[in-house]
Protein backbone atom coordinates (compact mmCIF):
# COMPACT_ATOMS: atom_id res chain seq x y z
CA MET A 1 151.18 -109.14 151.23
CA ASN A 2 148.83 -108.96 154.36
CA LEU A 3 151.48 -107.11 156.09
CA ALA A 4 151.84 -104.51 153.63
CA LEU A 5 148.04 -104.01 153.53
CA SER A 6 147.69 -103.58 157.43
CA ILE A 7 150.49 -101.12 157.62
CA LEU A 8 148.85 -99.13 154.85
CA LEU A 9 145.55 -99.33 156.69
CA ALA A 10 147.37 -98.16 159.97
CA ASP A 11 148.78 -95.06 158.36
CA VAL A 12 145.28 -93.87 156.85
CA THR A 13 143.11 -94.58 160.00
CA PRO A 14 144.27 -91.89 162.25
CA VAL A 15 143.98 -89.38 159.56
CA THR A 16 140.38 -90.24 158.68
CA ASN A 17 139.43 -90.30 162.30
CA ALA A 18 141.09 -86.89 162.79
CA VAL A 19 139.28 -85.46 159.72
CA ASN A 20 135.94 -86.96 160.75
CA THR A 21 136.37 -85.60 164.53
CA SER A 22 137.39 -81.81 163.53
CA LEU A 23 135.08 -81.40 160.47
CA PHE A 24 131.95 -83.33 161.18
CA ASN A 25 130.90 -83.14 164.44
CA ILE A 26 128.05 -81.94 166.34
CA TRP A 27 128.99 -78.12 166.24
CA THR A 28 128.70 -78.19 162.58
CA GLY A 29 125.32 -79.23 163.03
CA VAL A 30 124.46 -76.56 165.40
CA ILE A 31 126.04 -73.79 163.65
CA GLY A 32 124.08 -74.64 160.53
CA LEU A 33 121.11 -74.89 162.40
CA LEU A 34 121.61 -71.53 164.02
CA TRP A 35 122.54 -70.13 160.51
CA TYR A 36 119.23 -71.33 159.30
CA LEU A 37 117.32 -69.84 162.13
CA LEU A 38 118.86 -66.63 161.58
CA ILE A 39 118.11 -66.27 157.89
CA ALA A 40 114.51 -67.80 158.47
CA LEU A 41 113.72 -64.98 161.07
CA ALA A 42 115.03 -62.08 158.89
CA MET A 43 112.97 -63.50 156.02
CA TRP A 44 110.02 -63.88 158.44
CA LEU A 45 110.28 -60.09 158.76
CA VAL A 46 110.39 -59.40 155.28
CA PHE A 47 107.55 -61.89 154.28
CA ALA A 48 105.32 -60.11 157.07
CA LYS A 49 106.07 -56.54 155.67
CA ALA A 50 105.39 -57.73 152.10
CA GLY A 51 101.95 -59.42 153.11
CA TRP A 52 102.73 -62.82 153.05
CA PRO A 53 102.63 -65.17 156.40
CA GLY A 54 105.88 -65.20 158.02
CA ILE A 55 105.93 -68.79 158.84
CA LEU A 56 106.55 -69.69 155.16
CA ALA A 57 110.00 -68.56 155.61
CA LEU A 58 110.70 -71.67 157.79
CA ILE A 59 109.73 -74.13 154.86
CA PRO A 60 112.90 -74.34 152.83
CA ILE A 61 111.64 -74.72 149.09
CA VAL A 62 108.72 -72.33 149.86
CA ASN A 63 110.77 -69.36 151.21
CA ILE A 64 112.56 -69.16 147.81
CA VAL A 65 109.31 -69.21 145.85
CA ILE A 66 107.70 -66.55 147.94
CA LEU A 67 110.91 -64.46 147.79
CA VAL A 68 110.49 -64.84 143.79
CA LYS A 69 107.13 -63.60 144.12
CA ILE A 70 108.09 -60.64 146.26
CA ALA A 71 110.34 -59.90 143.45
CA GLY A 72 107.53 -59.50 141.02
CA TYR A 73 108.11 -62.93 139.09
CA SER A 74 106.07 -66.09 138.74
CA GLY A 75 106.67 -68.81 141.48
CA TRP A 76 107.58 -71.16 138.55
CA MET A 77 110.50 -68.73 138.10
CA ALA A 78 112.02 -70.39 141.15
CA LEU A 79 112.95 -73.53 139.24
CA LEU A 80 115.69 -71.43 138.02
CA TYR A 81 117.53 -71.76 141.14
CA LEU A 82 118.05 -75.37 140.01
CA ILE A 83 120.13 -74.81 137.02
CA PRO A 84 123.90 -74.28 137.52
CA ILE A 85 125.34 -70.82 137.06
CA VAL A 86 121.83 -69.69 135.87
CA ASN A 87 120.97 -69.73 139.84
CA ILE A 88 123.86 -67.31 140.75
CA VAL A 89 122.57 -64.73 138.03
CA PHE A 90 118.84 -65.24 138.85
CA SER A 91 119.45 -64.82 142.83
CA ILE A 92 121.31 -61.54 141.90
CA ILE A 93 118.43 -60.42 139.97
CA VAL A 94 115.87 -61.45 142.71
CA ALA A 95 117.83 -59.67 145.12
CA ILE A 96 118.04 -56.32 143.18
CA LYS A 97 114.36 -56.52 142.41
CA VAL A 98 113.23 -57.42 146.18
CA GLY A 99 115.36 -54.40 147.14
CA ALA A 100 113.64 -52.18 144.57
CA THR A 101 110.43 -53.23 145.73
CA PHE A 102 111.52 -51.96 149.25
CA GLY A 103 113.11 -48.80 147.81
CA LYS A 104 116.60 -49.77 147.94
CA GLY A 105 119.22 -49.30 145.04
CA GLY A 106 120.98 -51.91 143.18
CA ALA A 107 124.15 -51.55 144.99
CA TRP A 108 122.43 -51.90 148.50
CA SER A 109 120.49 -54.84 147.10
CA PHE A 110 123.66 -56.71 145.61
CA PHE A 111 125.84 -56.26 148.69
CA LEU A 112 123.34 -56.75 151.62
CA LEU A 113 120.64 -58.78 150.04
CA TRP A 114 122.71 -61.10 147.95
CA LEU A 115 126.26 -61.08 149.33
CA ILE A 116 125.65 -60.58 153.25
CA ALA A 117 121.83 -61.86 152.91
CA PHE A 118 120.85 -62.17 156.60
CA VAL A 119 122.34 -58.48 157.33
CA GLY A 120 120.02 -57.05 154.49
CA TYR A 121 116.88 -58.85 155.24
CA LEU A 122 117.38 -57.91 159.01
CA MET A 123 117.67 -54.37 157.92
CA LEU A 124 114.78 -54.42 155.60
CA GLY A 125 112.88 -56.35 158.18
CA LEU A 126 113.21 -54.17 161.13
CA GLY A 127 113.93 -50.84 159.29
CA ASP A 128 111.56 -48.59 157.97
CA ALA A 129 111.54 -49.69 154.44
CA LYS A 130 107.93 -49.83 152.90
CA TYR A 131 106.95 -52.62 150.43
CA THR A 132 105.35 -51.52 147.23
CA LYS A 133 104.06 -54.35 145.08
CA PRO A 134 105.84 -54.51 141.68
CA VAL A 135 104.10 -53.44 138.52
CA LYS A 136 103.64 -56.43 136.13
CA ALA A 137 104.82 -55.53 132.53
């Protein structure tokens, strides 16, 4: 019995070591940090154009609340990001509304602010788009 267990463990150990070294190494963290900094920089520029302090883009939950406010909704509506499936729909709506406040169309906002967000936010932040405060209904 003990021999069979040691044979089983001998077969599993190299696989788990290979998975650990190939998927979860230091480069995963470095790439994740660089990706976060790229998104935060892009959102910093957008926040500054919208009249908010850009440094708020670095704080993970606060940046979503400010983005929802830029879209014209109450900051409390950011809680919708916690509900599965609703968060996807709401993030598309927020992207389209943020695009509208900067004078961009729905298709532009969907593809560049939702699908490839870092490109769209960099284009908004570095481009000549002007922020117009949304009208409350």
